[in-house]
Amino acid sequence: MEENKSKFLKIAIEAAKKAEEIILRYYQEDIEVDIKDDLSPVTKADVRAEKEIIKTIQAQFPSHGFLGEESTQDIKKKEYLWIIDPIDGTKNYMRKIPLFATQIALMKDRELILGLSNAPALKELVYAEKGRGAYCNGRKIQVSTIKELNKSYMLFGGVEYFGQHNILKNLLSLIDNTQAHRGIGDFWSYHLLAQGKVDVMIEAQTKIWDIAAVKVIVE
């Protein structure tokens, strides 16, 4: 049976669903792309979805702060801070690959307490609140019980980052010692991890909006 949702989670789901409408509408069209200062791509869907998420949450919690991949509001001395990635997997989204998701997390006094990851093209909504279990489309999920590395299925993120941080040999060593392994990054790897479909996920570099929501879900 699904758990009782807090007011925070209910609003996070509402915000994600509103963002989904925007994201899927643009997904059906030719997607216009801009390049940010860090050379990563951003679409109109990213920007508009993030604004809609903030607007929806702010209407219920006007005193909360917001940290988004595409914009940041005043976050100093905020008890509650929402961390938002409107489209995790923008490069997939641009190429019409259905592996993209909206990530929303909530931090209270610098502790993550809520995480939501909504993959509209896959019709998969995954969320968790600290101490209340994790759910996928309302069904309770849990991580794998496999503890032996040589029996595990491992996923890993961008190989270039392992090279940049001089730990590519470490990754290759893990590959040699796991039963199966694939290079699958972004949110999808953590959806699989949280559901126990894979046993290990490793990345060499992340930003807080990439990892905040899925951290709560997996833990």
N, C-alpha and C. Protein backbone atom coordinates (compact mmCIF):
# COMPACT_ATOMS: atom_id res chain seq x y z
N MET A 1 0.85 -1.20 0.00
CA MET A 1 0.00 0.00 0.00
C MET A 1 0.88 1.24 0.00
N GLU A 2 0.47 2.22 -0.78
CA GLU A 2 1.24 3.46 -0.87
C GLU A 2 1.14 4.26 0.42
N GLU A 3 2.23 4.93 0.76
CA GLU A 3 2.28 5.70 2.00
C GLU A 3 1.50 7.01 1.88
N ASN A 4 1.22 7.61 3.03
CA ASN A 4 0.61 8.94 3.03
C ASN A 4 1.65 9.96 2.60
N LYS A 5 1.29 10.78 1.64
CA LYS A 5 2.23 11.78 1.14
C LYS A 5 2.17 13.04 2.00
N SER A 6 3.32 13.64 2.23
CA SER A 6 3.37 14.92 2.93
C SER A 6 2.88 16.02 2.00
N LYS A 7 2.63 17.20 2.56
CA LYS A 7 2.22 18.34 1.74
C LYS A 7 3.33 18.72 0.77
N PHE A 8 4.57 18.51 1.18
CA PHE A 8 5.70 18.82 0.30
C PHE A 8 5.70 17.91 -0.92
N LEU A 9 5.50 16.62 -0.69
CA LEU A 9 5.53 15.66 -1.80
C LEU A 9 4.35 15.88 -2.74
N LYS A 10 3.19 16.17 -2.20
CA LYS A 10 2.01 16.41 -3.05
C LYS A 10 2.25 17.58 -4.00
N ILE A 11 2.84 18.64 -3.48
CA ILE A 11 3.11 19.81 -4.32
C ILE A 11 4.23 19.52 -5.31
N ALA A 12 5.23 18.75 -4.89
CA ALA A 12 6.32 18.39 -5.81
C ALA A 12 5.78 17.59 -6.99
N ILE A 13 4.86 16.66 -6.73
CA ILE A 13 4.26 15.87 -7.80
C ILE A 13 3.43 16.76 -8.71
N GLU A 14 2.66 17.66 -8.12
CA GLU A 14 1.86 18.60 -8.92
C GLU A 14 2.76 19.44 -9.83
N ALA A 15 3.87 19.93 -9.27
CA ALA A 15 4.80 20.74 -10.05
C ALA A 15 5.43 19.93 -11.18
N ALA A 16 5.80 18.69 -10.88
CA ALA A 16 6.41 17.83 -11.90
C ALA A 16 5.44 17.53 -13.03
N LYS A 17 4.18 17.34 -12.71
CA LYS A 17 3.18 17.05 -13.73
C LYS A 17 2.92 18.27 -14.62
N LYS A 18 2.95 19.45 -14.03
CA LYS A 18 2.80 20.66 -14.84
C LYS A 18 4.01 20.83 -15.76
N ALA A 19 5.19 20.54 -15.25
CA ALA A 19 6.39 20.60 -16.07
C ALA A 19 6.32 19.57 -17.19
N GLU A 20 5.77 18.42 -16.89
CA GLU A 20 5.64 17.35 -17.89
C GLU A 20 4.85 17.82 -19.11
N GLU A 21 3.80 18.55 -18.88
CA GLU A 21 2.98 19.05 -20.00
C GLU A 21 3.82 19.93 -20.92
N ILE A 22 4.63 20.80 -20.33
CA ILE A 22 5.48 21.69 -21.11
C ILE A 22 6.54 20.88 -21.87
N ILE A 23 7.18 19.98 -21.16
CA ILE A 23 8.28 19.20 -21.74
C ILE A 23 7.80 18.34 -22.91
N LEU A 24 6.67 17.68 -22.75
CA LEU A 24 6.17 16.82 -23.82
C LEU A 24 5.64 17.62 -25.01
N ARG A 25 5.13 18.81 -24.74
CA ARG A 25 4.67 19.66 -25.84
C ARG A 25 5.83 20.04 -26.75
N TYR A 26 6.94 20.46 -26.14
CA TYR A 26 8.11 20.81 -26.94
C TYR A 26 8.76 19.57 -27.57
N TYR A 27 8.61 18.45 -26.93
CA TYR A 27 9.20 17.20 -27.41
C TYR A 27 8.63 16.78 -28.77
N GLN A 28 7.42 17.19 -29.03
CA GLN A 28 6.76 16.86 -30.30
C GLN A 28 7.18 17.80 -31.43
N GLU A 29 7.90 18.86 -31.10
CA GLU A 29 8.26 19.87 -32.09
C GLU A 29 9.76 19.84 -32.37
N ASP A 30 10.21 20.71 -33.27
CA ASP A 30 11.64 20.90 -33.46
C ASP A 30 12.17 21.66 -32.25
N ILE A 31 13.10 21.08 -31.54
CA ILE A 31 13.57 21.63 -30.27
C ILE A 31 14.67 22.66 -30.52
N GLU A 32 14.43 23.89 -30.06
CA GLU A 32 15.43 24.95 -30.19
C GLU A 32 16.41 24.86 -29.02
N VAL A 33 17.69 24.94 -29.35
CA VAL A 33 18.73 24.74 -28.35
C VAL A 33 19.65 25.95 -28.27
N ASP A 34 19.95 26.39 -27.04
CA ASP A 34 20.97 27.40 -26.80
C ASP A 34 22.13 26.73 -26.06
N ILE A 35 23.31 27.34 -26.15
CA ILE A 35 24.48 26.81 -25.45
C ILE A 35 24.84 27.76 -24.31
N LYS A 36 24.93 27.21 -23.09
CA LYS A 36 25.24 28.01 -21.91
C LYS A 36 26.74 28.30 -21.83
N ASP A 37 27.11 29.10 -20.87
CA ASP A 37 28.51 29.49 -20.71
C ASP A 37 29.42 28.29 -20.47
N ASP A 38 28.88 27.24 -19.82
CA ASP A 38 29.69 26.05 -19.57
C ASP A 38 29.66 25.07 -20.73
N LEU A 39 29.08 25.52 -21.87
CA LEU A 39 28.99 24.76 -23.12
C LEU A 39 27.97 23.63 -23.08
N SER A 40 27.17 23.56 -22.03
CA SER A 40 26.11 22.56 -21.99
C SER A 40 24.86 23.13 -22.65
N PRO A 41 24.02 22.27 -23.23
CA PRO A 41 22.84 22.76 -23.95
C PRO A 41 21.67 23.06 -23.03
N VAL A 42 20.82 23.99 -23.45
CA VAL A 42 19.58 24.28 -22.73
C VAL A 42 18.51 24.57 -23.77
N THR A 43 17.30 24.10 -23.52
CA THR A 43 16.19 24.32 -24.45
C THR A 43 15.16 25.24 -23.80
N LYS A 44 14.23 25.73 -24.63
CA LYS A 44 13.12 26.51 -24.09
C LYS A 44 12.32 25.69 -23.09
N ALA A 45 12.23 24.40 -23.34
CA ALA A 45 11.48 23.53 -22.44
C ALA A 45 12.12 23.51 -21.05
N ASP A 46 13.47 23.46 -20.99
CA ASP A 46 14.17 23.51 -19.70
C ASP A 46 13.76 24.76 -18.92
N VAL A 47 13.88 25.89 -19.58
CA VAL A 47 13.65 27.17 -18.91
C VAL A 47 12.19 27.32 -18.48
N ARG A 48 11.27 27.00 -19.37
CA ARG A 48 9.85 27.18 -19.05
C ARG A 48 9.37 26.16 -18.03
N ALA A 49 9.87 24.95 -18.10
CA ALA A 49 9.48 23.94 -17.12
C ALA A 49 9.97 24.32 -15.73
N GLU A 50 11.20 24.82 -15.64
CA GLU A 50 11.72 25.22 -14.33
C GLU A 50 10.91 26.38 -13.75
N LYS A 51 10.55 27.35 -14.58
CA LYS A 51 9.74 28.47 -14.10
C LYS A 51 8.39 28.00 -13.59
N GLU A 52 7.81 27.03 -14.27
CA GLU A 52 6.50 26.51 -13.86
C GLU A 52 6.61 25.75 -12.54
N ILE A 53 7.69 24.99 -12.37
CA ILE A 53 7.91 24.26 -11.12
C ILE A 53 8.04 25.24 -9.95
N ILE A 54 8.87 26.26 -10.13
CA ILE A 54 9.07 27.24 -9.06
C ILE A 54 7.76 27.97 -8.75
N LYS A 55 7.04 28.37 -9.78
CA LYS A 55 5.77 29.08 -9.60
C LYS A 55 4.78 28.23 -8.80
N THR A 56 4.68 26.95 -9.13
CA THR A 56 3.74 26.04 -8.45
C THR A 56 4.10 25.85 -6.99
N ILE A 57 5.38 25.63 -6.71
CA ILE A 57 5.81 25.41 -5.33
C ILE A 57 5.74 26.70 -4.52
N GLN A 58 6.16 27.79 -5.15
CA GLN A 58 6.19 29.08 -4.45
C GLN A 58 4.80 29.55 -4.04
N ALA A 59 3.79 29.16 -4.83
CA ALA A 59 2.42 29.54 -4.49
C ALA A 59 1.99 28.94 -3.16
N GLN A 60 2.53 27.79 -2.82
CA GLN A 60 2.18 27.12 -1.56
C GLN A 60 3.19 27.42 -0.45
N PHE A 61 4.43 27.64 -0.82
CA PHE A 61 5.49 27.84 0.16
C PHE A 61 6.31 29.08 -0.21
N PRO A 62 5.74 30.26 -0.01
CA PRO A 62 6.40 31.51 -0.47
C PRO A 62 7.71 31.83 0.25
N SER A 63 7.95 31.26 1.41
CA SER A 63 9.17 31.56 2.14
C SER A 63 10.33 30.66 1.76
N HIS A 64 10.10 29.66 0.91
CA HIS A 64 11.14 28.70 0.56
C HIS A 64 12.09 29.27 -0.49
N GLY A 65 13.31 28.74 -0.51
CA GLY A 65 14.30 29.12 -1.51
C GLY A 65 14.36 28.11 -2.65
N PHE A 66 14.98 28.51 -3.76
CA PHE A 66 15.04 27.65 -4.94
C PHE A 66 16.43 27.71 -5.57
N LEU A 67 16.97 26.53 -5.83
CA LEU A 67 18.23 26.39 -6.54
C LEU A 67 17.96 25.52 -7.76
N GLY A 68 18.01 26.13 -8.95
CA GLY A 68 17.73 25.39 -10.17
C GLY A 68 18.90 25.40 -11.12
N GLU A 69 18.92 24.41 -12.01
CA GLU A 69 20.01 24.37 -12.99
C GLU A 69 19.98 25.60 -13.90
N GLU A 70 18.76 26.10 -14.19
CA GLU A 70 18.64 27.20 -15.13
C GLU A 70 18.49 28.56 -14.44
N SER A 71 18.20 28.58 -13.15
CA SER A 71 18.03 29.84 -12.43
C SER A 71 18.16 29.60 -10.94
N THR A 72 18.55 30.64 -10.22
CA THR A 72 18.68 30.54 -8.77
C THR A 72 18.07 31.77 -8.13
N GLN A 73 17.20 31.55 -7.15
CA GLN A 73 16.66 32.65 -6.37
C GLN A 73 17.46 32.78 -5.09
N ASP A 74 17.18 33.79 -4.31
CA ASP A 74 17.90 34.03 -3.06
C ASP A 74 17.75 32.83 -2.14
N ILE A 75 18.87 32.20 -1.78
CA ILE A 75 18.81 30.99 -0.95
C ILE A 75 19.46 31.20 0.42
N LYS A 76 19.89 32.41 0.71
CA LYS A 76 20.55 32.65 1.99
C LYS A 76 19.54 32.57 3.14
N LYS A 77 19.93 31.87 4.18
CA LYS A 77 19.16 31.77 5.42
C LYS A 77 17.75 31.20 5.17
N LYS A 78 17.61 30.32 4.19
CA LYS A 78 16.33 29.67 3.93
C LYS A 78 16.30 28.32 4.65
N GLU A 79 15.26 28.10 5.45
CA GLU A 79 15.14 26.81 6.14
C GLU A 79 14.89 25.69 5.14
N TYR A 80 14.05 25.99 4.15
CA TYR A 80 13.74 25.00 3.12
C TYR A 80 14.29 25.47 1.77
N LEU A 81 14.94 24.56 1.08
CA LEU A 81 15.51 24.86 -0.23
C LEU A 81 15.13 23.76 -1.22
N TRP A 82 14.47 24.16 -2.31
CA TRP A 82 14.12 23.23 -3.38
C TRP A 82 15.22 23.25 -4.43
N ILE A 83 15.64 22.05 -4.85
CA ILE A 83 16.71 21.90 -5.84
C ILE A 83 16.09 21.26 -7.08
N ILE A 84 16.24 21.93 -8.22
CA ILE A 84 15.46 21.56 -9.41
C ILE A 84 16.35 21.38 -10.64
N ASP A 85 16.13 20.27 -11.33
CA ASP A 85 16.68 20.08 -12.67
C ASP A 85 15.49 19.78 -13.57
N PRO A 86 15.03 20.74 -14.36
CA PRO A 86 13.80 20.55 -15.13
C PRO A 86 13.88 19.41 -16.13
N ILE A 87 15.05 19.26 -16.78
CA ILE A 87 15.24 18.14 -17.70
C ILE A 87 16.64 17.57 -17.47
N ASP A 88 16.70 16.48 -16.75
CA ASP A 88 17.95 15.75 -16.60
C ASP A 88 18.05 14.82 -17.80
N GLY A 89 19.09 15.03 -18.62
CA GLY A 89 19.18 14.28 -19.87
C GLY A 89 18.79 15.15 -21.05
N THR A 90 19.18 16.42 -21.01
CA THR A 90 18.81 17.36 -22.09
C THR A 90 19.34 16.89 -23.45
N LYS A 91 20.53 16.32 -23.47
CA LYS A 91 21.08 15.86 -24.75
C LYS A 91 20.23 14.73 -25.34
N ASN A 92 19.72 13.86 -24.48
CA ASN A 92 18.78 12.82 -24.95
C ASN A 92 17.51 13.46 -25.48
N TYR A 93 16.99 14.40 -24.71
CA TYR A 93 15.75 15.10 -25.07
C TYR A 93 15.89 15.76 -26.44
N MET A 94 17.02 16.40 -26.68
CA MET A 94 17.27 17.08 -27.95
C MET A 94 17.23 16.10 -29.12
N ARG A 95 17.69 14.87 -28.89
CA ARG A 95 17.78 13.88 -29.97
C ARG A 95 16.56 12.97 -30.03
N LYS A 96 15.52 13.33 -29.26
CA LYS A 96 14.28 12.54 -29.22
C LYS A 96 14.50 11.15 -28.63
N ILE A 97 15.50 11.01 -27.78
CA ILE A 97 15.72 9.78 -27.03
C ILE A 97 14.92 9.91 -25.73
N PRO A 98 14.07 8.94 -25.40
CA PRO A 98 13.12 9.13 -24.29
C PRO A 98 13.71 9.05 -22.88
N LEU A 99 15.02 9.07 -22.75
CA LEU A 99 15.64 8.98 -21.43
C LEU A 99 15.93 10.37 -20.88
N PHE A 100 14.90 11.01 -20.35
CA PHE A 100 15.03 12.32 -19.71
C PHE A 100 14.00 12.41 -18.60
N ALA A 101 14.29 13.23 -17.60
CA ALA A 101 13.40 13.30 -16.43
C ALA A 101 13.52 14.65 -15.74
N THR A 102 12.46 15.00 -15.03
CA THR A 102 12.45 16.18 -14.16
C THR A 102 12.85 15.74 -12.76
N GLN A 103 13.81 16.44 -12.17
CA GLN A 103 14.30 16.12 -10.83
C GLN A 103 13.94 17.25 -9.87
N ILE A 104 13.30 16.90 -8.78
CA ILE A 104 12.96 17.89 -7.74
C ILE A 104 13.35 17.31 -6.39
N ALA A 105 14.12 18.07 -5.63
CA ALA A 105 14.51 17.64 -4.28
C ALA A 105 14.21 18.77 -3.30
N LEU A 106 14.04 18.40 -2.05
CA LEU A 106 13.81 19.39 -0.99
C LEU A 106 14.82 19.18 0.13
N MET A 107 15.46 20.27 0.51
CA MET A 107 16.43 20.26 1.59
C MET A 107 15.90 21.10 2.74
N LYS A 108 15.98 20.58 3.96
CA LYS A 108 15.61 21.33 5.16
C LYS A 108 16.85 21.46 6.04
N ASP A 109 17.22 22.69 6.32
CA ASP A 109 18.41 22.95 7.14
C ASP A 109 19.61 22.15 6.63
N ARG A 110 19.81 22.17 5.32
CA ARG A 110 20.94 21.55 4.65
C ARG A 110 20.90 20.03 4.64
N GLU A 111 19.75 19.45 4.97
CA GLU A 111 19.59 17.99 4.90
C GLU A 111 18.52 17.65 3.87
N LEU A 112 18.84 16.77 2.94
CA LEU A 112 17.88 16.37 1.92
C LEU A 112 16.80 15.48 2.53
N ILE A 113 15.53 15.84 2.31
CA ILE A 113 14.43 15.10 2.93
C ILE A 113 13.42 14.57 1.92
N LEU A 114 13.52 15.00 0.66
CA LEU A 114 12.54 14.57 -0.35
C LEU A 114 13.21 14.55 -1.71
N GLY A 115 12.89 13.53 -2.50
CA GLY A 115 13.40 13.45 -3.86
C GLY A 115 12.35 12.91 -4.80
N LEU A 116 12.24 13.51 -5.97
CA LEU A 116 11.28 13.08 -6.99
C LEU A 116 11.97 13.10 -8.35
N SER A 117 11.73 12.05 -9.13
CA SER A 117 12.27 11.96 -10.48
C SER A 117 11.15 11.47 -11.40
N ASN A 118 10.73 12.34 -12.33
CA ASN A 118 9.62 12.02 -13.22
C ASN A 118 10.11 11.92 -14.66
N ALA A 119 9.98 10.72 -15.24
CA ALA A 119 10.39 10.47 -16.62
C ALA A 119 9.14 10.35 -17.48
N PRO A 120 8.68 11.45 -18.08
CA PRO A 120 7.38 11.43 -18.76
C PRO A 120 7.30 10.52 -19.96
N ALA A 121 8.37 10.43 -20.76
CA ALA A 121 8.32 9.58 -21.94
C ALA A 121 8.31 8.09 -21.58
N LEU A 122 8.82 7.78 -20.40
CA LEU A 122 8.82 6.40 -19.91
C LEU A 122 7.64 6.10 -19.00
N LYS A 123 6.89 7.17 -18.68
CA LYS A 123 5.74 7.06 -17.76
C LYS A 123 6.17 6.45 -16.43
N GLU A 124 7.24 7.00 -15.88
CA GLU A 124 7.78 6.48 -14.63
C GLU A 124 8.03 7.63 -13.65
N LEU A 125 7.25 7.64 -12.58
CA LEU A 125 7.38 8.65 -11.52
C LEU A 125 7.92 7.96 -10.27
N VAL A 126 9.11 8.35 -9.89
CA VAL A 126 9.79 7.75 -8.74
C VAL A 126 10.00 8.83 -7.68
N TYR A 127 9.71 8.51 -6.42
CA TYR A 127 9.88 9.52 -5.38
C TYR A 127 10.10 8.86 -4.02
N ALA A 128 10.59 9.65 -3.09
CA ALA A 128 10.81 9.17 -1.73
C ALA A 128 10.89 10.35 -0.79
N GLU A 129 10.49 10.10 0.45
CA GLU A 129 10.72 11.03 1.55
C GLU A 129 11.56 10.30 2.58
N LYS A 130 12.47 11.00 3.19
CA LYS A 130 13.40 10.37 4.12
C LYS A 130 12.65 9.58 5.20
N GLY A 131 13.00 8.31 5.34
CA GLY A 131 12.41 7.45 6.35
C GLY A 131 11.05 6.88 6.01
N ARG A 132 10.56 7.13 4.77
CA ARG A 132 9.22 6.66 4.41
C ARG A 132 9.22 5.69 3.24
N GLY A 133 10.38 5.26 2.81
CA GLY A 133 10.44 4.33 1.68
C GLY A 133 10.39 5.04 0.35
N ALA A 134 10.68 4.28 -0.71
CA ALA A 134 10.69 4.82 -2.07
C ALA A 134 9.61 4.15 -2.90
N TYR A 135 9.09 4.88 -3.89
CA TYR A 135 7.95 4.41 -4.69
C TYR A 135 8.14 4.72 -6.16
N CYS A 136 7.65 3.82 -7.00
CA CYS A 136 7.63 4.03 -8.44
C CYS A 136 6.18 3.85 -8.90
N ASN A 137 5.58 4.92 -9.40
CA ASN A 137 4.18 4.90 -9.82
C ASN A 137 3.27 4.33 -8.73
N GLY A 138 3.57 4.71 -7.49
CA GLY A 138 2.75 4.29 -6.36
C GLY A 138 3.09 2.93 -5.78
N ARG A 139 4.02 2.21 -6.40
CA ARG A 139 4.41 0.87 -5.93
C ARG A 139 5.73 0.98 -5.17
N LYS A 140 5.77 0.37 -3.98
CA LYS A 140 6.99 0.45 -3.18
C LYS A 140 8.13 -0.31 -3.84
N ILE A 141 9.30 0.28 -3.81
CA ILE A 141 10.48 -0.32 -4.43
C ILE A 141 11.62 -0.39 -3.42
N GLN A 142 12.62 -1.21 -3.75
CA GLN A 142 13.78 -1.29 -2.88
C GLN A 142 15.01 -1.67 -3.70
N VAL A 143 16.17 -1.37 -3.16
CA VAL A 143 17.41 -1.65 -3.87
C VAL A 143 17.74 -3.15 -3.79
N SER A 144 18.70 -3.55 -4.59
CA SER A 144 19.14 -4.95 -4.64
C SER A 144 19.74 -5.39 -3.30
N THR A 145 19.70 -6.69 -3.06
CA THR A 145 20.32 -7.24 -1.86
C THR A 145 21.67 -7.88 -2.17
N ILE A 146 22.10 -7.84 -3.42
CA ILE A 146 23.39 -8.42 -3.80
C ILE A 146 24.53 -7.59 -3.20
N LYS A 147 25.44 -8.26 -2.51
CA LYS A 147 26.54 -7.57 -1.85
C LYS A 147 27.90 -7.90 -2.44
N GLU A 148 28.00 -8.97 -3.21
CA GLU A 148 29.28 -9.38 -3.79
C GLU A 148 29.50 -8.65 -5.11
N LEU A 149 30.65 -8.01 -5.23
CA LEU A 149 30.95 -7.24 -6.43
C LEU A 149 30.96 -8.13 -7.67
N ASN A 150 31.46 -9.35 -7.55
CA ASN A 150 31.57 -10.23 -8.71
C ASN A 150 30.22 -10.79 -9.18
N LYS A 151 29.17 -10.51 -8.42
CA LYS A 151 27.83 -10.93 -8.81
C LYS A 151 26.97 -9.73 -9.23
N SER A 152 27.57 -8.55 -9.22
CA SER A 152 26.78 -7.33 -9.38
C SER A 152 26.72 -6.86 -10.84
N TYR A 153 25.67 -6.11 -11.11
CA TYR A 153 25.47 -5.43 -12.40
C TYR A 153 25.74 -3.95 -12.13
N MET A 154 26.74 -3.41 -12.79
CA MET A 154 27.19 -2.05 -12.52
C MET A 154 26.92 -1.13 -13.71
N LEU A 155 26.42 0.07 -13.40
CA LEU A 155 26.28 1.12 -14.40
C LEU A 155 27.28 2.23 -14.09
N PHE A 156 27.68 2.98 -15.11
CA PHE A 156 28.59 4.09 -14.87
C PHE A 156 28.28 5.24 -15.80
N GLY A 157 28.62 6.44 -15.34
CA GLY A 157 28.35 7.66 -16.10
C GLY A 157 29.45 7.96 -17.10
N GLY A 158 29.53 9.24 -17.54
CA GLY A 158 30.43 9.66 -18.60
C GLY A 158 31.87 9.26 -18.37
N VAL A 159 32.43 8.49 -19.29
CA VAL A 159 33.80 7.99 -19.16
C VAL A 159 34.81 9.14 -19.16
N GLU A 160 34.50 10.22 -19.90
CA GLU A 160 35.45 11.33 -19.98
C GLU A 160 35.75 11.94 -18.62
N TYR A 161 34.78 11.90 -17.71
CA TYR A 161 34.99 12.48 -16.38
C TYR A 161 35.94 11.62 -15.55
N PHE A 162 35.89 10.31 -15.74
CA PHE A 162 36.84 9.44 -15.06
C PHE A 162 38.26 9.75 -15.53
N GLY A 163 38.38 10.03 -16.83
CA GLY A 163 39.69 10.41 -17.37
C GLY A 163 40.16 11.74 -16.84
N GLN A 164 39.25 12.73 -16.78
CA GLN A 164 39.61 14.06 -16.30
C GLN A 164 40.08 14.04 -14.85
N HIS A 165 39.53 13.12 -14.06
CA HIS A 165 39.89 13.04 -12.64
C HIS A 165 40.95 11.96 -12.37
N ASN A 166 41.53 11.44 -13.47
CA ASN A 166 42.62 10.45 -13.37
C ASN A 166 42.22 9.20 -12.59
N ILE A 167 40.98 8.76 -12.77
CA ILE A 167 40.54 7.54 -12.10
C ILE A 167 39.94 6.54 -13.10
N LEU A 168 40.34 6.66 -14.36
CA LEU A 168 39.84 5.74 -15.37
C LEU A 168 40.28 4.30 -15.08
N LYS A 169 41.51 4.15 -14.56
CA LYS A 169 41.99 2.81 -14.20
C LYS A 169 41.12 2.19 -13.12
N ASN A 170 40.63 3.02 -12.20
CA ASN A 170 39.76 2.52 -11.14
C ASN A 170 38.47 1.97 -11.73
N LEU A 171 37.91 2.72 -12.70
CA LEU A 171 36.68 2.26 -13.35
C LEU A 171 36.91 0.96 -14.09
N LEU A 172 38.01 0.86 -14.83
CA LEU A 172 38.30 -0.37 -15.58
C LEU A 172 38.50 -1.55 -14.64
N SER A 173 39.07 -1.31 -13.47
CA SER A 173 39.23 -2.37 -12.48
C SER A 173 37.88 -2.88 -11.99
N LEU A 174 36.96 -1.94 -11.74
CA LEU A 174 35.62 -2.33 -11.33
C LEU A 174 34.91 -3.11 -12.43
N ILE A 175 35.08 -2.67 -13.67
CA ILE A 175 34.47 -3.38 -14.80
C ILE A 175 34.97 -4.82 -14.86
N ASP A 176 36.26 -5.00 -14.63
CA ASP A 176 36.84 -6.35 -14.66
C ASP A 176 36.31 -7.24 -13.55
N ASN A 177 35.83 -6.61 -12.47
CA ASN A 177 35.44 -7.39 -11.30
C ASN A 177 33.93 -7.47 -11.08
N THR A 178 33.14 -6.97 -12.03
CA THR A 178 31.69 -7.08 -11.92
C THR A 178 31.16 -8.06 -12.96
N GLN A 179 30.00 -8.61 -12.68
CA GLN A 179 29.41 -9.62 -13.56
C GLN A 179 28.93 -9.02 -14.88
N ALA A 180 28.35 -7.80 -14.78
CA ALA A 180 27.86 -7.11 -15.97
C ALA A 180 28.02 -5.61 -15.76
N HIS A 181 28.10 -4.86 -16.84
CA HIS A 181 28.34 -3.42 -16.72
C HIS A 181 27.91 -2.73 -18.01
N ARG A 182 27.38 -1.54 -17.85
CA ARG A 182 26.95 -0.75 -18.99
C ARG A 182 27.16 0.74 -18.67
N GLY A 183 27.43 1.51 -19.71
CA GLY A 183 27.55 2.96 -19.55
C GLY A 183 26.19 3.62 -19.73
N ILE A 184 25.49 3.81 -18.65
CA ILE A 184 24.18 4.47 -18.67
C ILE A 184 24.20 5.56 -17.60
N GLY A 185 24.10 6.79 -17.99
CA GLY A 185 24.15 7.87 -17.01
C GLY A 185 22.81 8.51 -16.77
N ASP A 186 22.84 9.70 -16.21
CA ASP A 186 21.64 10.49 -15.93
C ASP A 186 20.69 9.74 -14.97
N PHE A 187 19.46 10.23 -14.90
CA PHE A 187 18.47 9.73 -13.93
C PHE A 187 18.18 8.25 -14.08
N TRP A 188 18.20 7.74 -15.33
CA TRP A 188 17.72 6.38 -15.59
C TRP A 188 18.50 5.34 -14.81
N SER A 189 19.80 5.56 -14.66
CA SER A 189 20.62 4.61 -13.91
C SER A 189 20.15 4.52 -12.46
N TYR A 190 19.71 5.64 -11.90
CA TYR A 190 19.27 5.64 -10.50
C TYR A 190 17.86 5.08 -10.34
N HIS A 191 17.02 5.23 -11.36
CA HIS A 191 15.73 4.55 -11.34
C HIS A 191 15.96 3.04 -11.27
N LEU A 192 16.87 2.54 -12.08
CA LEU A 192 17.17 1.10 -12.09
C LEU A 192 17.79 0.66 -10.77
N LEU A 193 18.68 1.49 -10.23
CA LEU A 193 19.33 1.18 -8.96
C LEU A 193 18.31 1.12 -7.82
N ALA A 194 17.42 2.10 -7.77
CA ALA A 194 16.43 2.16 -6.69
C ALA A 194 15.45 1.00 -6.74
N GLN A 195 15.24 0.45 -7.94
CA GLN A 195 14.32 -0.67 -8.09
C GLN A 195 15.01 -2.04 -7.98
N GLY A 196 16.31 -2.03 -7.72
CA GLY A 196 17.03 -3.28 -7.56
C GLY A 196 17.30 -4.00 -8.86
N LYS A 197 17.14 -3.33 -9.99
CA LYS A 197 17.38 -3.96 -11.29
C LYS A 197 18.86 -3.98 -11.63
N VAL A 198 19.62 -3.05 -11.05
CA VAL A 198 21.08 -3.09 -11.09
C VAL A 198 21.56 -2.89 -9.66
N ASP A 199 22.85 -3.16 -9.44
CA ASP A 199 23.37 -3.18 -8.07
C ASP A 199 24.31 -2.03 -7.73
N VAL A 200 24.94 -1.45 -8.74
CA VAL A 200 25.94 -0.42 -8.51
C VAL A 200 25.78 0.68 -9.56
N MET A 201 25.93 1.93 -9.14
CA MET A 201 26.01 3.05 -10.07
C MET A 201 27.17 3.92 -9.63
N ILE A 202 28.05 4.26 -10.57
CA ILE A 202 29.22 5.05 -10.21
C ILE A 202 29.40 6.19 -11.21
N GLU A 203 29.69 7.37 -10.68
CA GLU A 203 29.97 8.54 -11.50
C GLU A 203 31.21 9.23 -10.97
N ALA A 204 31.91 9.92 -11.87
CA ALA A 204 33.12 10.63 -11.48
C ALA A 204 32.87 12.10 -11.21
N GLN A 205 31.74 12.62 -11.71
CA GLN A 205 31.47 14.06 -11.54
C GLN A 205 29.98 14.32 -11.64
N THR A 206 29.45 15.06 -10.68
CA THR A 206 28.03 15.43 -10.71
C THR A 206 27.87 16.85 -10.17
N LYS A 207 26.69 17.42 -10.41
CA LYS A 207 26.30 18.67 -9.79
C LYS A 207 25.12 18.38 -8.88
N ILE A 208 24.87 19.26 -7.94
CA ILE A 208 23.88 18.93 -6.91
C ILE A 208 22.50 18.66 -7.48
N TRP A 209 22.09 19.37 -8.54
CA TRP A 209 20.75 19.14 -9.09
C TRP A 209 20.68 17.83 -9.87
N ASP A 210 21.84 17.25 -10.22
CA ASP A 210 21.85 15.95 -10.87
C ASP A 210 21.61 14.82 -9.87
N ILE A 211 21.99 15.03 -8.64
CA ILE A 211 22.09 13.93 -7.69
C ILE A 211 21.18 14.05 -6.47
N ALA A 212 20.69 15.27 -6.17
CA ALA A 212 19.96 15.49 -4.92
C ALA A 212 18.72 14.61 -4.81
N ALA A 213 17.87 14.62 -5.82
CA ALA A 213 16.61 13.86 -5.76
C ALA A 213 16.87 12.36 -5.69
N VAL A 214 17.76 11.87 -6.56
CA VAL A 214 18.00 10.42 -6.60
C VAL A 214 18.74 9.94 -5.37
N LYS A 215 19.48 10.82 -4.72
CA LYS A 215 20.15 10.44 -3.46
C LYS A 215 19.12 10.02 -2.42
N VAL A 216 18.09 10.83 -2.28
CA VAL A 216 17.03 10.51 -1.32
C VAL A 216 16.33 9.21 -1.72
N ILE A 217 16.03 9.07 -3.00
CA ILE A 217 15.30 7.89 -3.49
C ILE A 217 16.09 6.61 -3.23
N VAL A 218 17.36 6.61 -3.59
CA VAL A 218 18.18 5.40 -3.43
C VAL A 218 18.41 5.07 -1.95
N GLU A 219 18.72 6.10 -1.16
CA GLU A 219 18.99 5.86 0.26
C GLU A 219 17.74 5.43 1.01
